[in-house]
């Protein structure tokens, strides 16, 4: 009987030792998990702070964008108003000049080195064009491209197409 008790006591001591080892391992695991939890909380706080900062910046950008958009819309409104004013002025001037006859352009000598309209000198960067109607030499500014037919001076174009003025 004593031997059985001794064996049981030895087994109980062994189980207690194993339980203590398991308890120590579990305590170490709990400590490690608590460290991870603490680190995760710190990371969460950093991410929350970064998120709040990003949201504030986004709201500031949105407010700036809204103000810029409002300013651009106001500018567009002003430009449309100015365009209407200019169109009214153009119509008034056109009505005033409707009855005025434009004289036929006088042909200029073909060897002249000046534009027949604005008297600009033809040089390396200012190309000369020959009017297909009056054969005068004109610069790019004083001529109109009429497609496949070539170019003609503004005066001839205005006489042929009075509605274009």
C-alpha atoms as a PDB file:
ATOM      1  CA  UNK A   1       0.000   0.000   0.000  1.00  0.00           C
ATOM      2  CA  UNK A   2       2.820   2.376   0.841  1.00  0.00           C
ATOM      3  CA  UNK A   3       4.463   1.638  -2.401  1.00  0.00           C
ATOM      4  CA  UNK A   4       1.289   2.562  -4.258  1.00  0.00           C
ATOM      5  CA  UNK A   5       1.078   5.759  -2.286  1.00  0.00           C
ATOM      6  CA  UNK A   6       4.698   6.540  -3.103  1.00  0.00           C
ATOM      7  CA  UNK A   7       4.049   5.848  -6.770  1.00  0.00           C
ATOM      8  CA  UNK A   8       0.949   8.029  -6.707  1.00  0.00           C
ATOM      9  CA  UNK A   9       2.858  10.788  -4.938  1.00  0.00           C
ATOM     10  CA  UNK A  10       5.646  10.583  -7.534  1.00  0.00           C
ATOM     11  CA  UNK A  11       3.087  10.730 -10.320  1.00  0.00           C
ATOM     12  CA  UNK A  12       1.360  13.663  -8.661  1.00  0.00           C
ATOM     13  CA  UNK A  13       4.682  15.485  -8.308  1.00  0.00           C
ATOM     14  CA  UNK A  14       5.434  14.807 -11.983  1.00  0.00           C
ATOM     15  CA  UNK A  15       2.009  16.094 -13.008  1.00  0.00           C
ATOM     16  CA  UNK A  16       2.499  19.181 -10.818  1.00  0.00           C
ATOM     17  CA  UNK A  17       5.884  19.807 -12.407  1.00  0.00           C
ATOM     18  CA  UNK A  18       4.367  19.466 -15.897  1.00  0.00           C
ATOM     19  CA  UNK A  19       1.489  21.728 -14.904  1.00  0.00           C
ATOM     20  CA  UNK A  20       3.944  24.356 -13.636  1.00  0.00           C
ATOM     21  CA  UNK A  21       5.859  24.144 -16.917  1.00  0.00           C
ATOM     22  CA  UNK A  22       2.639  24.492 -18.889  1.00  0.00           C
ATOM     23  CA  UNK A  23       1.611  27.390 -16.662  1.00  0.00           C
ATOM     24  CA  UNK A  24       4.956  29.127 -17.227  1.00  0.00           C
ATOM     25  CA  UNK A  25       4.696  28.548 -21.009  1.00  0.00           C
ATOM     26  CA  UNK A  26       1.161  29.929 -21.005  1.00  0.00           C
ATOM     27  CA  UNK A  27       2.231  32.935 -18.919  1.00  0.00           C
ATOM     28  CA  UNK A  28       5.052  33.595 -21.405  1.00  0.00           C
ATOM     29  CA  UNK A  29       2.538  33.277 -24.252  1.00  0.00           C
ATOM     30  CA  UNK A  30       0.158  35.697 -22.485  1.00  0.00           C
ATOM     31  CA  UNK A  31       3.044  38.180 -21.981  1.00  0.00           C
ATOM     32  CA  UNK A  32       3.993  37.878 -25.671  1.00  0.00           C
ATOM     33  CA  UNK A  33       0.362  38.365 -26.742  1.00  0.00           C
ATOM     34  CA  UNK A  34       0.048  41.393 -24.441  1.00  0.00           C
ATOM     35  CA  UNK A  35       3.138  42.917 -26.079  1.00  0.00           C
ATOM     36  CA  UNK A  36       1.628  42.278 -29.507  1.00  0.00           C
ATOM     37  CA  UNK A  37      -1.660  43.791 -28.369  1.00  0.00           C
ATOM     38  CA  UNK A  38       0.147  46.868 -27.047  1.00  0.00           C
ATOM     39  CA  UNK A  39       2.087  47.200 -30.319  1.00  0.00           C
ATOM     40  CA  UNK A  40      -1.142  46.748 -32.320  1.00  0.00           C
ATOM     41  CA  UNK A  41      -2.859  49.441 -30.247  1.00  0.00           C
ATOM     42  CA  UNK A  42       0.038  51.840 -30.881  1.00  0.00           C
ATOM     43  CA  UNK A  43      -0.119  51.046 -34.601  1.00  0.00           C
ATOM     44  CA  UNK A  44      -3.883  51.592 -34.525  1.00  0.00           C
ATOM     45  CA  UNK A  45      -3.436  54.965 -32.844  1.00  0.00           C
ATOM     46  CA  UNK A  46      -0.816  55.966 -35.414  1.00  0.00           C
ATOM     47  CA  UNK A  47      -3.078  54.872 -38.280  1.00  0.00           C
ATOM     48  CA  UNK A  48      -6.059  56.682 -36.760  1.00  0.00           C
ATOM     49  CA  UNK A  49      -3.962  59.831 -36.408  1.00  0.00           C
ATOM     50  CA  UNK A  50      -2.734  59.504 -39.999  1.00  0.00           C
ATOM     51  CA  UNK A  51      -6.321  58.944 -41.174  1.00  0.00           C
ATOM     52  CA  UNK A  52      -7.561  62.033 -39.347  1.00  0.00           C
ATOM     53  CA  UNK A  53      -4.719  64.102 -40.808  1.00  0.00           C
ATOM     54  CA  UNK A  54      -5.484  62.797 -44.316  1.00  0.00           C
ATOM     55  CA  UNK A  55      -9.192  63.575 -43.859  1.00  0.00           C
ATOM     56  CA  UNK A  56      -8.386  67.132 -42.717  1.00  0.00           C
ATOM     57  CA  UNK A  57      -6.107  67.633 -45.720  1.00  0.00           C
ATOM     58  CA  UNK A  58      -8.759  66.244 -48.064  1.00  0.00           C
ATOM     59  CA  UNK A  59     -11.369  68.610 -46.610  1.00  0.00           C
ATOM     60  CA  UNK A  60      -8.984  71.551 -47.008  1.00  0.00           C
ATOM     61  CA  UNK A  61      -8.246  70.556 -50.626  1.00  0.00           C
ATOM     62  CA  UNK A  62     -11.966  70.184 -51.304  1.00  0.00           C
ATOM     63  CA  UNK A  63     -12.659  73.631 -49.852  1.00  0.00           C
ATOM     64  CA  UNK A  64      -9.856  75.138 -51.943  1.00  0.00           C
ATOM     65  CA  UNK A  65     -11.111  73.325 -55.037  1.00  0.00           C
ATOM     66  CA  UNK A  66     -14.652  74.560 -54.395  1.00  0.00           C
ATOM     67  CA  UNK A  67     -13.473  78.156 -54.025  1.00  0.00           C
ATOM     68  CA  UNK A  68     -11.401  77.850 -57.223  1.00  0.00           C
ATOM     69  CA  UNK A  69     -14.342  76.373 -59.089  1.00  0.00           C
ATOM     70  CA  UNK A  70     -16.610  79.189 -57.920  1.00  0.00           C
ATOM     71  CA  UNK A  71     -14.001  81.738 -59.022  1.00  0.00           C
ATOM     72  CA  UNK A  72     -13.720  80.088 -62.441  1.00  0.00           C
ATOM     73  CA  UNK A  73     -17.495  80.008 -62.861  1.00  0.00           C
ATOM     74  CA  UNK A  74     -17.641  83.703 -62.033  1.00  0.00           C
ATOM     75  CA  UNK A  75     -14.882  84.360 -64.566  1.00  0.00           C
ATOM     76  CA  UNK A  76     -16.798  82.383 -67.199  1.00  0.00           C
ATOM     77  CA  UNK A  77     -19.953  84.399 -66.450  1.00  0.00           C
ATOM     78  CA  UNK A  78     -17.988  87.638 -66.809  1.00  0.00           C
ATOM     79  CA  UNK A  79     -16.427  86.461 -70.069  1.00  0.00           C
ATOM     80  CA  UNK A  80     -19.840  85.502 -71.492  1.00  0.00           C
ATOM     81  CA  UNK A  81     -21.171  88.924 -70.554  1.00  0.00           C
ATOM     82  CA  UNK A  82     -18.204  90.616 -72.216  1.00  0.00           C
ATOM     83  CA  UNK A  83     -18.677  88.439 -75.304  1.00  0.00           C
ATOM     84  CA  UNK A  84     -22.309  89.535 -75.553  1.00  0.00           C
ATOM     85  CA  UNK A  85     -21.243  93.171 -75.218  1.00  0.00           C
ATOM     86  CA  UNK A  86     -18.674  92.750 -77.984  1.00  0.00           C
ATOM     87  CA  UNK A  87     -21.208  91.034 -80.241  1.00  0.00           C
ATOM     88  CA  UNK A  88     -23.649  93.903 -79.720  1.00  0.00           C
ATOM     89  CA  UNK A  89     -20.890  96.426 -80.528  1.00  0.00           C
ATOM     90  CA  UNK A  90     -19.945  94.434 -83.643  1.00  0.00           C
ATOM     91  CA  UNK A  91     -23.565  94.379 -84.801  1.00  0.00           C
ATOM     92  CA  UNK A  92     -23.912  98.120 -84.189  1.00  0.00           C
ATOM     93  CA  UNK A  93     -20.715  98.825 -86.144  1.00  0.00           C
ATOM     94  CA  UNK A  94     -21.777  96.516 -88.931  1.00  0.00           C
ATOM     95  CA  UNK A  95     -25.124  98.327 -89.212  1.00  0.00           C
ATOM     96  CA  UNK A  96     -23.295 101.670 -89.353  1.00  0.00           C
ATOM     97  CA  UNK A  97     -20.933 100.474 -92.098  1.00  0.00           C
ATOM     98  CA  UNK A  98     -23.476  98.475 -94.095  1.00  0.00           C
ATOM     99  CA  UNK A  99     -24.048 101.184 -96.684  1.00  0.00           C
ATOM    100  CA  UNK A 100     -20.399 102.077 -97.170  1.00  0.00           C
ATOM    101  CA  UNK A 101     -18.984 100.730-100.419  1.00  0.00           C
ATOM    102  CA  UNK A 102     -15.469  99.380-100.369  1.00  0.00           C
ATOM    103  CA  UNK A 103     -13.319 100.403-103.302  1.00  0.00           C
ATOM    104  CA  UNK A 104     -11.801  97.803-105.596  1.00  0.00           C
ATOM    105  CA  UNK A 105      -8.209  97.173-104.711  1.00  0.00           C
ATOM    106  CA  UNK A 106      -5.822  98.708-107.113  1.00  0.00           C
ATOM    107  CA  UNK A 107      -3.388  96.265-108.603  1.00  0.00           C
ATOM    108  CA  UNK A 108       0.135  96.744-107.340  1.00  0.00           C
ATOM    109  CA  UNK A 109       3.257  96.142-109.331  1.00  0.00           C
ATOM    110  CA  UNK A 110       4.287  92.492-109.189  1.00  0.00           C
ATOM    111  CA  UNK A 111       7.880  93.257-108.322  1.00  0.00           C
ATOM    112  CA  UNK A 112       7.077  95.340-105.209  1.00  0.00           C
ATOM    113  CA  UNK A 113       8.516  94.081-101.913  1.00  0.00           C
ATOM    114  CA  UNK A 114       5.640  95.394 -99.745  1.00  0.00           C
ATOM    115  CA  UNK A 115       2.212  94.025 -98.821  1.00  0.00           C
ATOM    116  CA  UNK A 116      -0.494  95.709-100.922  1.00  0.00           C
ATOM    117  CA  UNK A 117      -2.695  96.185 -97.830  1.00  0.00           C
ATOM    118  CA  UNK A 118      -0.531  96.913 -94.778  1.00  0.00           C
ATOM    119  CA  UNK A 119       2.734  97.873 -96.576  1.00  0.00           C
ATOM    120  CA  UNK A 120       4.724  95.389 -94.497  1.00  0.00           C
ATOM    121  CA  UNK A 121       8.114  94.459 -95.925  1.00  0.00           C
ATOM    122  CA  UNK A 122       8.429  90.862 -97.158  1.00  0.00           C
ATOM    123  CA  UNK A 123      11.411  89.289 -95.455  1.00  0.00           C
ATOM    124  CA  UNK A 124      12.639  85.862 -94.493  1.00  0.00           C
ATOM    125  CA  UNK A 125       9.859  85.246 -91.943  1.00  0.00           C
ATOM    126  CA  UNK A 126       7.007  87.104 -93.678  1.00  0.00           C
ATOM    127  CA  UNK A 127       5.754  85.119 -96.643  1.00  0.00           C
ATOM    128  CA  UNK A 128       4.054  86.790 -99.592  1.00  0.00           C
ATOM    129  CA  UNK A 129       0.884  85.439-101.178  1.00  0.00           C
ATOM    130  CA  UNK A 130      -0.602  86.386-104.533  1.00  0.00           C
ATOM    131  CA  UNK A 131      -4.296  87.237-104.504  1.00  0.00           C
ATOM    132  CA  UNK A 132      -6.039  84.904-106.948  1.00  0.00           C
ATOM    133  CA  UNK A 133      -8.462  87.681-107.908  1.00  0.00           C
ATOM    134  CA  UNK A 134      -6.426  90.897-108.279  1.00  0.00           C
ATOM    135  CA  UNK A 135      -2.956  89.262-108.392  1.00  0.00           C
ATOM    136  CA  UNK A 136      -1.655  91.662-105.707  1.00  0.00           C
ATOM    137  CA  UNK A 137       1.011  90.578-103.216  1.00  0.00           C
ATOM    138  CA  UNK A 138      -0.276  90.335 -99.647  1.00  0.00           C
ATOM    139  CA  UNK A 139       1.098  89.048 -96.349  1.00  0.00           C
ATOM    140  CA  UNK A 140      -0.414  86.217 -94.311  1.00  0.00           C
ATOM    141  CA  UNK A 141      -2.343  88.636 -92.067  1.00  0.00           C
ATOM    142  CA  UNK A 142      -3.928  90.465 -94.991  1.00  0.00           C
ATOM    143  CA  UNK A 143      -4.974  87.315 -96.879  1.00  0.00           C
ATOM    144  CA  UNK A 144      -7.712  84.712 -96.520  1.00  0.00           C
ATOM    145  CA  UNK A 145      -7.340  81.023 -97.305  1.00  0.00           C
ATOM    146  CA  UNK A 146     -10.249  80.028 -99.564  1.00  0.00           C
ATOM    147  CA  UNK A 147      -9.463  76.334 -99.671  1.00  0.00           C
ATOM    148  CA  UNK A 148      -8.388  74.606-102.877  1.00  0.00           C
ATOM    149  CA  UNK A 149      -8.677  77.852-104.840  1.00  0.00           C
ATOM    150  CA  UNK A 150      -5.719  79.362-102.965  1.00  0.00           C
ATOM    151  CA  UNK A 151      -5.582  82.645-101.080  1.00  0.00           C
ATOM    152  CA  UNK A 152      -6.979  86.074-101.823  1.00  0.00           C
ATOM    153  CA  UNK A 153      -6.600  89.472-100.204  1.00  0.00           C
ATOM    154  CA  UNK A 154      -9.107  90.583 -97.573  1.00  0.00           C
ATOM    155  CA  UNK A 155     -10.532  93.312 -99.827  1.00  0.00           C
ATOM    156  CA  UNK A 156     -11.363  90.910-102.673  1.00  0.00           C
ATOM    157  CA  UNK A 157     -12.733  88.366-100.214  1.00  0.00           C
ATOM    158  CA  UNK A 158     -14.977  90.967 -98.561  1.00  0.00           C
ATOM    159  CA  UNK A 159     -16.304  92.062-101.953  1.00  0.00           C
ATOM    160  CA  UNK A 160     -17.047  88.489-103.011  1.00  0.00           C
ATOM    161  CA  UNK A 161     -18.459  87.475 -99.607  1.00  0.00           C
ATOM    162  CA  UNK A 162     -20.124  90.529 -98.003  1.00  0.00           C
ATOM    163  CA  UNK A 163     -21.884  88.358 -95.390  1.00  0.00           C
ATOM    164  CA  UNK A 164     -18.484  87.310 -93.952  1.00  0.00           C
ATOM    165  CA  UNK A 165     -17.733  90.795 -92.601  1.00  0.00           C
END
